[in-house]
């Protein structure tokens, strides 16, 4: 009986700890438009890599902070490499211009 209880609690302990694995942030793609950072679902204060995942369309990404000061201006060619964007605040504004699909990862 002791052996059964030990195995049962050990199994229960292992089963409950499987769900505690931290998740990795998934990529989010945005097309042309104006986006408030708080509405994008991206994590505040994290560094993101952006790239143009479109095979044909170019894109321009402009980032403004809460004081309407431009923080980033990045031109992305089709299938561009990753570019690192500075950590953004909750009140930042992201503007995407062009026919590309910009992916944040």
PDB file of N, CA and C in Angstrom:
ATOM      1  N   UNK A   1       0.813  -1.188   0.000  1.00  0.00           N
ATOM      2  CA  UNK A   1       0.000   0.000   0.000  1.00  0.00           C
ATOM      3  C   UNK A   1       0.865   1.263   0.000  1.00  0.00           C
ATOM      4  N   UNK A   2       1.976   1.235   0.743  1.00  0.00           N
ATOM      5  CA  UNK A   2       2.880   2.384   0.770  1.00  0.00           C
ATOM      6  C   UNK A   2       3.461   2.655  -0.612  1.00  0.00           C
ATOM      7  N   UNK A   3       3.805   1.578  -1.280  1.00  0.00           N
ATOM      8  CA  UNK A   3       4.396   1.720  -2.608  1.00  0.00           C
ATOM      9  C   UNK A   3       3.381   2.348  -3.570  1.00  0.00           C
ATOM     10  N   UNK A   4       2.146   1.934  -3.491  1.00  0.00           N
ATOM     11  CA  UNK A   4       1.096   2.478  -4.347  1.00  0.00           C
ATOM     12  C   UNK A   4       0.894   3.971  -4.090  1.00  0.00           C
ATOM     13  N   UNK A   5       0.840   4.370  -2.834  1.00  0.00           N
ATOM     14  CA  UNK A   5       0.654   5.780  -2.485  1.00  0.00           C
ATOM     15  C   UNK A   5       1.838   6.611  -2.968  1.00  0.00           C
ATOM     16  N   UNK A   6       3.047   6.085  -2.802  1.00  0.00           N
ATOM     17  CA  UNK A   6       4.242   6.796  -3.257  1.00  0.00           C
ATOM     18  C   UNK A   6       4.219   6.986  -4.770  1.00  0.00           C
ATOM     19  N   UNK A   7       3.906   5.933  -5.497  1.00  0.00           N
ATOM     20  CA  UNK A   7       3.849   6.012  -6.960  1.00  0.00           C
ATOM     21  C   UNK A   7       2.723   6.955  -7.389  1.00  0.00           C
ATOM     22  N   UNK A   8       1.586   6.890  -6.712  1.00  0.00           N
ATOM     23  CA  UNK A   8       0.454   7.749  -7.042  1.00  0.00           C
ATOM     24  C   UNK A   8       0.807   9.228  -6.873  1.00  0.00           C
ATOM     25  N   UNK A   9       1.390   9.591  -5.730  1.00  0.00           N
ATOM     26  CA  UNK A   9       1.743  10.988  -5.494  1.00  0.00           C
ATOM     27  C   UNK A   9       2.867  11.456  -6.419  1.00  0.00           C
ATOM     28  N   UNK A  10       3.810  10.589  -6.706  1.00  0.00           N
ATOM     29  CA  UNK A  10       4.874  10.939  -7.640  1.00  0.00           C
ATOM     30  C   UNK A  10       4.298  11.191  -9.033  1.00  0.00           C
ATOM     31  N   UNK A  11       3.392  10.330  -9.474  1.00  0.00           N
ATOM     32  CA  UNK A  11       2.745  10.509 -10.778  1.00  0.00           C
ATOM     33  C   UNK A  11       1.923  11.790 -10.805  1.00  0.00           C
ATOM     34  N   UNK A  12       1.186  12.033  -9.733  1.00  0.00           N
ATOM     35  CA  UNK A  12       0.378  13.242  -9.642  1.00  0.00           C
ATOM     36  C   UNK A  12       1.252  14.494  -9.681  1.00  0.00           C
ATOM     37  N   UNK A  13       2.354  14.467  -8.964  1.00  0.00           N
ATOM     38  CA  UNK A  13       3.290  15.591  -8.945  1.00  0.00           C
ATOM     39  C   UNK A  13       3.855  15.860 -10.337  1.00  0.00           C
ATOM     40  N   UNK A  14       4.277  14.817 -11.032  1.00  0.00           N
ATOM     41  CA  UNK A  14       4.833  14.990 -12.378  1.00  0.00           C
ATOM     42  C   UNK A  14       3.772  15.466 -13.361  1.00  0.00           C
ATOM     43  N   UNK A  15       2.576  14.943 -13.257  1.00  0.00           N
ATOM     44  CA  UNK A  15       1.495  15.331 -14.153  1.00  0.00           C
ATOM     45  C   UNK A  15       1.138  16.808 -13.993  1.00  0.00           C
ATOM     46  N   UNK A  16       1.079  17.295 -12.780  1.00  0.00           N
ATOM     47  CA  UNK A  16       0.709  18.689 -12.548  1.00  0.00           C
ATOM     48  C   UNK A  16       1.813  19.662 -12.937  1.00  0.00           C
ATOM     49  N   UNK A  17       3.057  19.238 -12.932  1.00  0.00           N
ATOM     50  CA  UNK A  17       4.163  20.122 -13.299  1.00  0.00           C
ATOM     51  C   UNK A  17       4.372  20.231 -14.798  1.00  0.00           C
ATOM     52  N   UNK A  18       3.780  19.364 -15.572  1.00  0.00           N
ATOM     53  CA  UNK A  18       3.927  19.420 -17.024  1.00  0.00           C
ATOM     54  C   UNK A  18       3.311  20.706 -17.569  1.00  0.00           C
ATOM     55  N   UNK A  19       2.234  21.172 -16.983  1.00  0.00           N
ATOM     56  CA  UNK A  19       1.548  22.368 -17.469  1.00  0.00           C
ATOM     57  C   UNK A  19       2.265  23.660 -17.120  1.00  0.00           C
ATOM     58  N   UNK A  20       3.301  23.619 -16.320  1.00  0.00           N
ATOM     59  CA  UNK A  20       3.986  24.841 -15.909  1.00  0.00           C
ATOM     60  C   UNK A  20       5.115  25.249 -16.849  1.00  0.00           C
ATOM     61  N   UNK A  21       5.182  24.661 -18.018  1.00  0.00           N
ATOM     62  CA  UNK A  21       6.202  25.021 -18.994  1.00  0.00           C
ATOM     63  C   UNK A  21       5.879  26.408 -19.541  1.00  0.00           C
ATOM     64  N   UNK A  22       6.868  27.287 -19.547  1.00  0.00           N
ATOM     65  CA  UNK A  22       6.622  28.648 -20.028  1.00  0.00           C
ATOM     66  C   UNK A  22       6.449  28.640 -21.541  1.00  0.00           C
ATOM     67  N   UNK A  23       5.560  29.473 -22.001  1.00  0.00           N
ATOM     68  CA  UNK A  23       5.288  29.526 -23.428  1.00  0.00           C
ATOM     69  C   UNK A  23       6.187  30.560 -24.100  1.00  0.00           C
ATOM     70  N   UNK A  24       6.458  30.343 -25.353  1.00  0.00           N
ATOM     71  CA  UNK A  24       7.267  31.261 -26.148  1.00  0.00           C
ATOM     72  C   UNK A  24       6.315  32.184 -26.899  1.00  0.00           C
ATOM     73  N   UNK A  25       6.631  33.452 -26.930  1.00  0.00           N
ATOM     74  CA  UNK A  25       5.769  34.409 -27.619  1.00  0.00           C
ATOM     75  C   UNK A  25       5.709  34.069 -29.100  1.00  0.00           C
ATOM     76  N   UNK A  26       4.505  34.030 -29.619  1.00  0.00           N
ATOM     77  CA  UNK A  26       4.358  33.715 -31.026  1.00  0.00           C
ATOM     78  C   UNK A  26       4.481  34.978 -31.864  1.00  0.00           C
ATOM     79  N   UNK A  27       4.792  34.796 -33.116  1.00  0.00           N
ATOM     80  CA  UNK A  27       4.953  35.925 -34.026  1.00  0.00           C
ATOM     81  C   UNK A  27       3.597  36.521 -34.368  1.00  0.00           C
ATOM     82  N   UNK A  28       3.588  37.822 -34.597  1.00  0.00           N
ATOM     83  CA  UNK A  28       2.369  38.513 -35.010  1.00  0.00           C
ATOM     84  C   UNK A  28       2.678  39.301 -36.269  1.00  0.00           C
ATOM     85  N   UNK A  29       1.789  39.196 -37.249  1.00  0.00           N
ATOM     86  CA  UNK A  29       1.964  39.902 -38.513  1.00  0.00           C
ATOM     87  C   UNK A  29       0.967  41.043 -38.623  1.00  0.00           C
ATOM     88  N   UNK A  30       1.446  42.152 -39.184  1.00  0.00           N
ATOM     89  CA  UNK A  30       0.614  43.331 -39.378  1.00  0.00           C
ATOM     90  C   UNK A  30       0.799  43.828 -40.804  1.00  0.00           C
ATOM     91  N   UNK A  31      -0.279  44.352 -41.384  1.00  0.00           N
ATOM     92  CA  UNK A  31      -0.207  44.946 -42.716  1.00  0.00           C
ATOM     93  C   UNK A  31      -0.305  46.461 -42.572  1.00  0.00           C
ATOM     94  N   UNK A  32      -0.472  47.141 -43.691  1.00  0.00           N
ATOM     95  CA  UNK A  32      -0.486  48.601 -43.681  1.00  0.00           C
ATOM     96  C   UNK A  32      -1.537  49.138 -42.717  1.00  0.00           C
ATOM     97  N   UNK A  33      -1.140  50.119 -41.912  1.00  0.00           N
ATOM     98  CA  UNK A  33      -2.089  50.724 -40.985  1.00  0.00           C
ATOM     99  C   UNK A  33      -1.408  51.411 -39.824  1.00  0.00           C
ATOM    100  N   UNK A  34      -2.241  51.954 -38.942  1.00  0.00           N
ATOM    101  CA  UNK A  34      -1.782  52.631 -37.739  1.00  0.00           C
ATOM    102  C   UNK A  34      -2.198  51.764 -36.555  1.00  0.00           C
ATOM    103  N   UNK A  35      -1.246  51.416 -35.706  1.00  0.00           N
ATOM    104  CA  UNK A  35      -1.509  50.513 -34.585  1.00  0.00           C
ATOM    105  C   UNK A  35      -1.051  51.160 -33.284  1.00  0.00           C
ATOM    106  N   UNK A  36      -1.940  51.164 -32.307  1.00  0.00           N
ATOM    107  CA  UNK A  36      -1.552  51.559 -30.960  1.00  0.00           C
ATOM    108  C   UNK A  36      -0.945  50.332 -30.302  1.00  0.00           C
ATOM    109  N   UNK A  37       0.205  50.493 -29.696  1.00  0.00           N
ATOM    110  CA  UNK A  37       0.943  49.360 -29.124  1.00  0.00           C
ATOM    111  C   UNK A  37       0.103  48.576 -28.123  1.00  0.00           C
ATOM    112  N   UNK A  38      -0.721  49.273 -27.353  1.00  0.00           N
ATOM    113  CA  UNK A  38      -1.543  48.603 -26.346  1.00  0.00           C
ATOM    114  C   UNK A  38      -2.585  47.688 -26.980  1.00  0.00           C
ATOM    115  N   UNK A  39      -2.936  47.916 -28.256  1.00  0.00           N
ATOM    116  CA  UNK A  39      -3.937  47.100 -28.935  1.00  0.00           C
ATOM    117  C   UNK A  39      -3.340  45.952 -29.741  1.00  0.00           C
ATOM    118  N   UNK A  40      -2.029  45.899 -29.857  1.00  0.00           N
ATOM    119  CA  UNK A  40      -1.399  44.871 -30.685  1.00  0.00           C
ATOM    120  C   UNK A  40      -1.255  43.529 -29.990  1.00  0.00           C
ATOM    121  N   UNK A  41      -1.270  43.519 -28.667  1.00  0.00           N
ATOM    122  CA  UNK A  41      -1.070  42.274 -27.932  1.00  0.00           C
ATOM    123  C   UNK A  41       0.395  41.939 -27.725  1.00  0.00           C
ATOM    124  N   UNK A  42       1.290  42.842 -28.078  1.00  0.00           N
ATOM    125  CA  UNK A  42       2.718  42.630 -27.864  1.00  0.00           C
ATOM    126  C   UNK A  42       3.082  42.995 -26.429  1.00  0.00           C
ATOM    127  N   UNK A  43       4.141  42.390 -25.915  1.00  0.00           N
ATOM    128  CA  UNK A  43       4.564  42.619 -24.540  1.00  0.00           C
ATOM    129  C   UNK A  43       5.354  43.919 -24.428  1.00  0.00           C
ATOM    130  N   UNK A  44       5.008  44.727 -23.441  1.00  0.00           N
ATOM    131  CA  UNK A  44       5.678  46.007 -23.221  1.00  0.00           C
ATOM    132  C   UNK A  44       7.080  45.794 -22.664  1.00  0.00           C
ATOM    133  N   UNK A  45       8.043  46.566 -23.141  1.00  0.00           N
ATOM    134  CA  UNK A  45       9.405  46.506 -22.625  1.00  0.00           C
ATOM    135  C   UNK A  45      10.253  45.393 -23.209  1.00  0.00           C
ATOM    136  N   UNK A  46       9.727  44.628 -24.154  1.00  0.00           N
ATOM    137  CA  UNK A  46      10.492  43.542 -24.769  1.00  0.00           C
ATOM    138  C   UNK A  46      11.109  44.005 -26.080  1.00  0.00           C
ATOM    139  N   UNK A  47      12.268  43.478 -26.386  1.00  0.00           N
ATOM    140  CA  UNK A  47      12.904  43.757 -27.665  1.00  0.00           C
ATOM    141  C   UNK A  47      12.314  42.810 -28.703  1.00  0.00           C
ATOM    142  N   UNK A  48      11.916  43.343 -29.834  1.00  0.00           N
ATOM    143  CA  UNK A  48      11.335  42.528 -30.895  1.00  0.00           C
ATOM    144  C   UNK A  48      12.200  42.585 -32.143  1.00  0.00           C
ATOM    145  N   UNK A  49      12.129  41.515 -32.913  1.00  0.00           N
ATOM    146  CA  UNK A  49      12.733  41.488 -34.237  1.00  0.00           C
ATOM    147  C   UNK A  49      11.594  41.666 -35.228  1.00  0.00           C
ATOM    148  N   UNK A  50      11.792  42.535 -36.214  1.00  0.00           N
ATOM    149  CA  UNK A  50      10.778  42.711 -37.243  1.00  0.00           C
ATOM    150  C   UNK A  50      11.381  42.356 -38.589  1.00  0.00           C
ATOM    151  N   UNK A  51      10.507  41.895 -39.470  1.00  0.00           N
ATOM    152  CA  UNK A  51      10.934  41.588 -40.834  1.00  0.00           C
ATOM    153  C   UNK A  51       9.728  41.679 -41.751  1.00  0.00           C
ATOM    154  N   UNK A  52      10.000  41.888 -43.021  1.00  0.00           N
ATOM    155  CA  UNK A  52       8.947  41.906 -44.025  1.00  0.00           C
ATOM    156  C   UNK A  52       8.850  40.493 -44.581  1.00  0.00           C
ATOM    157  N   UNK A  53       7.761  39.813 -44.300  1.00  0.00           N
ATOM    158  CA  UNK A  53       7.616  38.426 -44.738  1.00  0.00           C
ATOM    159  C   UNK A  53       6.940  38.316 -46.095  1.00  0.00           C
ATOM    160  N   UNK A  54       6.634  39.437 -46.722  1.00  0.00           N
ATOM    161  CA  UNK A  54       6.012  39.439 -48.038  1.00  0.00           C
ATOM    162  C   UNK A  54       7.073  39.219 -49.117  1.00  0.00           C
ATOM    163  N   UNK A  55       6.802  38.371 -50.113  1.00  0.00           N
ATOM    164  CA  UNK A  55       7.796  38.138 -51.168  1.00  0.00           C
ATOM    165  C   UNK A  55       7.881  39.266 -52.198  1.00  0.00           C
ATOM    166  N   UNK A  56       6.876  40.143 -52.254  1.00  0.00           N
ATOM    167  CA  UNK A  56       6.890  41.181 -53.286  1.00  0.00           C
ATOM    168  C   UNK A  56       6.783  42.608 -52.761  1.00  0.00           C
ATOM    169  N   UNK A  57       6.014  42.853 -51.721  1.00  0.00           N
ATOM    170  CA  UNK A  57       5.751  44.222 -51.270  1.00  0.00           C
ATOM    171  C   UNK A  57       6.795  44.767 -50.314  1.00  0.00           C
ATOM    172  N   UNK A  58       7.144  46.033 -50.507  1.00  0.00           N
ATOM    173  CA  UNK A  58       8.041  46.724 -49.576  1.00  0.00           C
ATOM    174  C   UNK A  58       7.207  47.308 -48.442  1.00  0.00           C
ATOM    175  N   UNK A  59       7.866  47.626 -47.327  1.00  0.00           N
ATOM    176  CA  UNK A  59       7.163  48.220 -46.189  1.00  0.00           C
ATOM    177  C   UNK A  59       8.076  49.210 -45.478  1.00  0.00           C
ATOM    178  N   UNK A  60       7.457  50.203 -44.869  1.00  0.00           N
ATOM    179  CA  UNK A  60       8.154  51.169 -44.027  1.00  0.00           C
ATOM    180  C   UNK A  60       7.485  51.120 -42.662  1.00  0.00           C
ATOM    181  N   UNK A  61       8.294  51.002 -41.609  1.00  0.00           N
ATOM    182  CA  UNK A  61       7.774  50.974 -40.241  1.00  0.00           C
ATOM    183  C   UNK A  61       8.273  52.227 -39.525  1.00  0.00           C
ATOM    184  N   UNK A  62       7.328  52.986 -38.972  1.00  0.00           N
ATOM    185  CA  UNK A  62       7.656  54.187 -38.204  1.00  0.00           C
ATOM    186  C   UNK A  62       7.073  54.003 -36.809  1.00  0.00           C
ATOM    187  N   UNK A  63       7.887  54.255 -35.794  1.00  0.00           N
ATOM    188  CA  UNK A  63       7.443  54.105 -34.407  1.00  0.00           C
ATOM    189  C   UNK A  63       7.561  55.457 -33.710  1.00  0.00           C
ATOM    190  N   UNK A  64       6.463  55.867 -33.075  1.00  0.00           N
ATOM    191  CA  UNK A  64       6.427  57.090 -32.281  1.00  0.00           C
ATOM    192  C   UNK A  64       6.221  56.725 -30.822  1.00  0.00           C
ATOM    193  N   UNK A  65       6.815  57.508 -29.919  1.00  0.00           N
ATOM    194  CA  UNK A  65       6.585  57.280 -28.490  1.00  0.00           C
ATOM    195  C   UNK A  65       5.367  58.088 -28.035  1.00  0.00           C
ATOM    196  N   UNK A  66       5.091  58.085 -26.747  1.00  0.00           N
ATOM    197  CA  UNK A  66       3.932  58.777 -26.197  1.00  0.00           C
ATOM    198  C   UNK A  66       3.980  60.282 -26.339  1.00  0.00           C
ATOM    199  N   UNK A  67       5.164  60.847 -26.575  1.00  0.00           N
ATOM    200  CA  UNK A  67       5.325  62.297 -26.754  1.00  0.00           C
ATOM    201  C   UNK A  67       5.329  62.698 -28.223  1.00  0.00           C
ATOM    202  N   UNK A  68       4.887  61.808 -29.102  1.00  0.00           N
ATOM    203  CA  UNK A  68       4.849  62.015 -30.551  1.00  0.00           C
ATOM    204  C   UNK A  68       6.223  62.290 -31.149  1.00  0.00           C
ATOM    205  N   UNK A  69       7.257  61.745 -30.536  1.00  0.00           N
ATOM    206  CA  UNK A  69       8.617  61.839 -31.074  1.00  0.00           C
ATOM    207  C   UNK A  69       8.929  60.542 -31.816  1.00  0.00           C
ATOM    208  N   UNK A  70       9.494  60.669 -33.035  1.00  0.00           N
ATOM    209  CA  UNK A  70       9.823  59.482 -33.805  1.00  0.00           C
ATOM    210  C   UNK A  70      10.982  58.737 -33.145  1.00  0.00           C
ATOM    211  N   UNK A  71      10.796  57.436 -32.917  1.00  0.00           N
ATOM    212  CA  UNK A  71      11.817  56.604 -32.297  1.00  0.00           C
ATOM    213  C   UNK A  71      12.510  55.689 -33.302  1.00  0.00           C
ATOM    214  N   UNK A  72      11.765  55.201 -34.279  1.00  0.00           N
ATOM    215  CA  UNK A  72      12.317  54.273 -35.276  1.00  0.00           C
ATOM    216  C   UNK A  72      11.755  54.620 -36.650  1.00  0.00           C
ATOM    217  N   UNK A  73      12.583  54.433 -37.676  1.00  0.00           N
ATOM    218  CA  UNK A  73      12.160  54.536 -39.069  1.00  0.00           C
ATOM    219  C   UNK A  73      12.922  53.456 -39.813  1.00  0.00           C
ATOM    220  N   UNK A  74      12.225  52.437 -40.265  1.00  0.00           N
ATOM    221  CA  UNK A  74      12.898  51.290 -40.884  1.00  0.00           C
ATOM    222  C   UNK A  74      12.228  50.982 -42.218  1.00  0.00           C
ATOM    223  N   UNK A  75      13.035  50.896 -43.274  1.00  0.00           N
ATOM    224  CA  UNK A  75      12.555  50.464 -44.588  1.00  0.00           C
ATOM    225  C   UNK A  75      12.835  48.979 -44.723  1.00  0.00           C
ATOM    226  N   UNK A  76      11.814  48.227 -45.084  1.00  0.00           N
ATOM    227  CA  UNK A  76      11.949  46.775 -45.204  1.00  0.00           C
ATOM    228  C   UNK A  76      11.710  46.347 -46.647  1.00  0.00           C
ATOM    229  N   UNK A  77      12.701  45.716 -47.237  1.00  0.00           N
ATOM    230  CA  UNK A  77      12.576  45.165 -48.581  1.00  0.00           C
ATOM    231  C   UNK A  77      11.808  43.841 -48.501  1.00  0.00           C
ATOM    232  N   UNK A  78      11.320  43.326 -49.632  1.00  0.00           N
ATOM    233  CA  UNK A  78      10.642  42.026 -49.606  1.00  0.00           C
ATOM    234  C   UNK A  78      11.556  40.935 -49.039  1.00  0.00           C
ATOM    235  N   UNK A  79      10.992  40.059 -48.224  1.00  0.00           N
ATOM    236  CA  UNK A  79      11.734  38.970 -47.561  1.00  0.00           C
ATOM    237  C   UNK A  79      12.996  39.494 -46.877  1.00  0.00           C
ATOM    238  N   UNK A  80      12.855  40.562 -46.147  1.00  0.00           N
ATOM    239  CA  UNK A  80      13.999  41.205 -45.498  1.00  0.00           C
ATOM    240  C   UNK A  80      14.531  40.367 -44.341  1.00  0.00           C
ATOM    241  N   UNK A  81      15.774  40.602 -43.957  1.00  0.00           N
ATOM    242  CA  UNK A  81      16.296  39.947 -42.741  1.00  0.00           C
ATOM    243  C   UNK A  81      15.655  40.578 -41.508  1.00  0.00           C
ATOM    244  N   UNK A  82      15.937  40.014 -40.354  1.00  0.00           N
ATOM    245  CA  UNK A  82      15.389  40.542 -39.101  1.00  0.00           C
ATOM    246  C   UNK A  82      16.099  41.834 -38.703  1.00  0.00           C
ATOM    247  N   UNK A  83      15.323  42.790 -38.216  1.00  0.00           N
ATOM    248  CA  UNK A  83      15.845  44.026 -37.650  1.00  0.00           C
ATOM    249  C   UNK A  83      15.364  44.114 -36.208  1.00  0.00           C
ATOM    250  N   UNK A  84      16.227  44.549 -35.324  1.00  0.00           N
ATOM    251  CA  UNK A  84      15.867  44.650 -33.912  1.00  0.00           C
ATOM    252  C   UNK A  84      15.280  46.030 -33.639  1.00  0.00           C
ATOM    253  N   UNK A  85      14.125  46.039 -32.969  1.00  0.00           N
ATOM    254  CA  UNK A  85      13.449  47.278 -32.587  1.00  0.00           C
ATOM    255  C   UNK A  85      13.648  47.484 -31.095  1.00  0.00           C
ATOM    256  N   UNK A  86      13.927  48.732 -30.711  1.00  0.00           N
ATOM    257  CA  UNK A  86      14.089  49.052 -29.291  1.00  0.00           C
ATOM    258  C   UNK A  86      12.818  48.689 -28.532  1.00  0.00           C
ATOM    259  N   UNK A  87      12.932  48.409 -27.234  1.00  0.00           N
ATOM    260  CA  UNK A  87      11.723  48.131 -26.440  1.00  0.00           C
ATOM    261  C   UNK A  87      10.741  49.300 -26.517  1.00  0.00           C
ATOM    262  N   UNK A  88       9.474  48.964 -26.688  1.00  0.00           N
ATOM    263  CA  UNK A  88       8.442  49.980 -26.855  1.00  0.00           C
ATOM    264  C   UNK A  88       7.623  50.135 -25.583  1.00  0.00           C
ATOM    265  N   UNK A  89       7.077  51.335 -25.402  1.00  0.00           N
ATOM    266  CA  UNK A  89       6.230  51.632 -24.253  1.00  0.00           C
ATOM    267  C   UNK A  89       4.775  51.335 -24.582  1.00  0.00           C
ATOM    268  N   UNK A  90       3.957  51.337 -23.546  1.00  0.00           N
ATOM    269  CA  UNK A  90       2.535  51.047 -23.679  1.00  0.00           C
ATOM    270  C   UNK A  90       1.823  52.076 -24.549  1.00  0.00           C
ATOM    271  N   UNK A  91       2.320  53.315 -24.580  1.00  0.00           N
ATOM    272  CA  UNK A  91       1.658  54.373 -25.338  1.00  0.00           C
ATOM    273  C   UNK A  91       2.314  54.645 -26.692  1.00  0.00           C
ATOM    274  N   UNK A  92       3.132  53.730 -27.177  1.00  0.00           N
ATOM    275  CA  UNK A  92       3.780  53.890 -28.483  1.00  0.00           C
ATOM    276  C   UNK A  92       2.767  53.687 -29.608  1.00  0.00           C
ATOM    277  N   UNK A  93       3.086  54.276 -30.762  1.00  0.00           N
ATOM    278  CA  UNK A  93       2.253  54.136 -31.953  1.00  0.00           C
ATOM    279  C   UNK A  93       3.130  53.573 -33.066  1.00  0.00           C
ATOM    280  N   UNK A  94       2.626  52.565 -33.767  1.00  0.00           N
ATOM    281  CA  UNK A  94       3.347  51.928 -34.869  1.00  0.00           C
ATOM    282  C   UNK A  94       2.587  52.224 -36.154  1.00  0.00           C
ATOM    283  N   UNK A  95       3.292  52.765 -37.143  1.00  0.00           N
ATOM    284  CA  UNK A  95       2.692  53.035 -38.447  1.00  0.00           C
ATOM    285  C   UNK A  95       3.415  52.175 -39.472  1.00  0.00           C
ATOM    286  N   UNK A  96       2.638  51.421 -40.250  1.00  0.00           N
ATOM    287  CA  UNK A  96       3.199  50.580 -41.309  1.00  0.00           C
ATOM    288  C   UNK A  96       2.645  51.089 -42.631  1.00  0.00           C
ATOM    289  N   UNK A  97       3.550  51.393 -43.559  1.00  0.00           N
ATOM    290  CA  UNK A  97       3.182  51.910 -44.868  1.00  0.00           C
ATOM    291  C   UNK A  97       3.729  50.953 -45.916  1.00  0.00           C
ATOM    292  N   UNK A  98       2.922  50.628 -46.913  1.00  0.00           N
ATOM    293  CA  UNK A  98       3.380  49.790 -48.007  1.00  0.00           C
ATOM    294  C   UNK A  98       2.585  48.503 -48.117  1.00  0.00           C
ATOM    295  N   UNK A  99       2.965  47.702 -49.097  1.00  0.00           N
ATOM    296  CA  UNK A  99       2.226  46.482 -49.385  1.00  0.00           C
ATOM    297  C   UNK A  99       2.765  45.243 -48.719  1.00  0.00           C
ATOM    298  N   UNK A 100       3.721  45.391 -47.839  1.00  0.00           N
ATOM    299  CA  UNK A 100       4.316  44.230 -47.185  1.00  0.00           C
ATOM    300  C   UNK A 100       3.557  43.790 -45.954  1.00  0.00           C
ATOM    301  N   UNK A 101       3.932  42.626 -45.461  1.00  0.00           N
ATOM    302  CA  UNK A 101       3.385  42.095 -44.215  1.00  0.00           C
ATOM    303  C   UNK A 101       4.522  42.062 -43.197  1.00  0.00           C
ATOM    304  N   UNK A 102       4.440  42.899 -42.170  1.00  0.00           N
ATOM    305  CA  UNK A 102       5.511  43.036 -41.188  1.00  0.00           C
ATOM    306  C   UNK A 102       5.248  42.077 -40.030  1.00  0.00           C
ATOM    307  N   UNK A 103       6.247  41.245 -39.729  1.00  0.00           N
ATOM    308  CA  UNK A 103       6.120  40.250 -38.670  1.00  0.00           C
ATOM    309  C   UNK A 103       6.969  40.653 -37.477  1.00  0.00           C
ATOM    310  N   UNK A 104       6.353  40.701 -36.306  1.00  0.00           N
ATOM    311  CA  UNK A 104       7.043  40.955 -35.041  1.00  0.00           C
ATOM    312  C   UNK A 104       7.258  39.611 -34.363  1.00  0.00           C
ATOM    313  N   UNK A 105       8.505  39.314 -33.988  1.00  0.00           N
ATOM    314  CA  UNK A 105       8.783  38.050 -33.285  1.00  0.00           C
ATOM    315  C   UNK A 105       9.797  38.270 -32.187  1.00  0.00           C
TER     316      UNK A 105
END
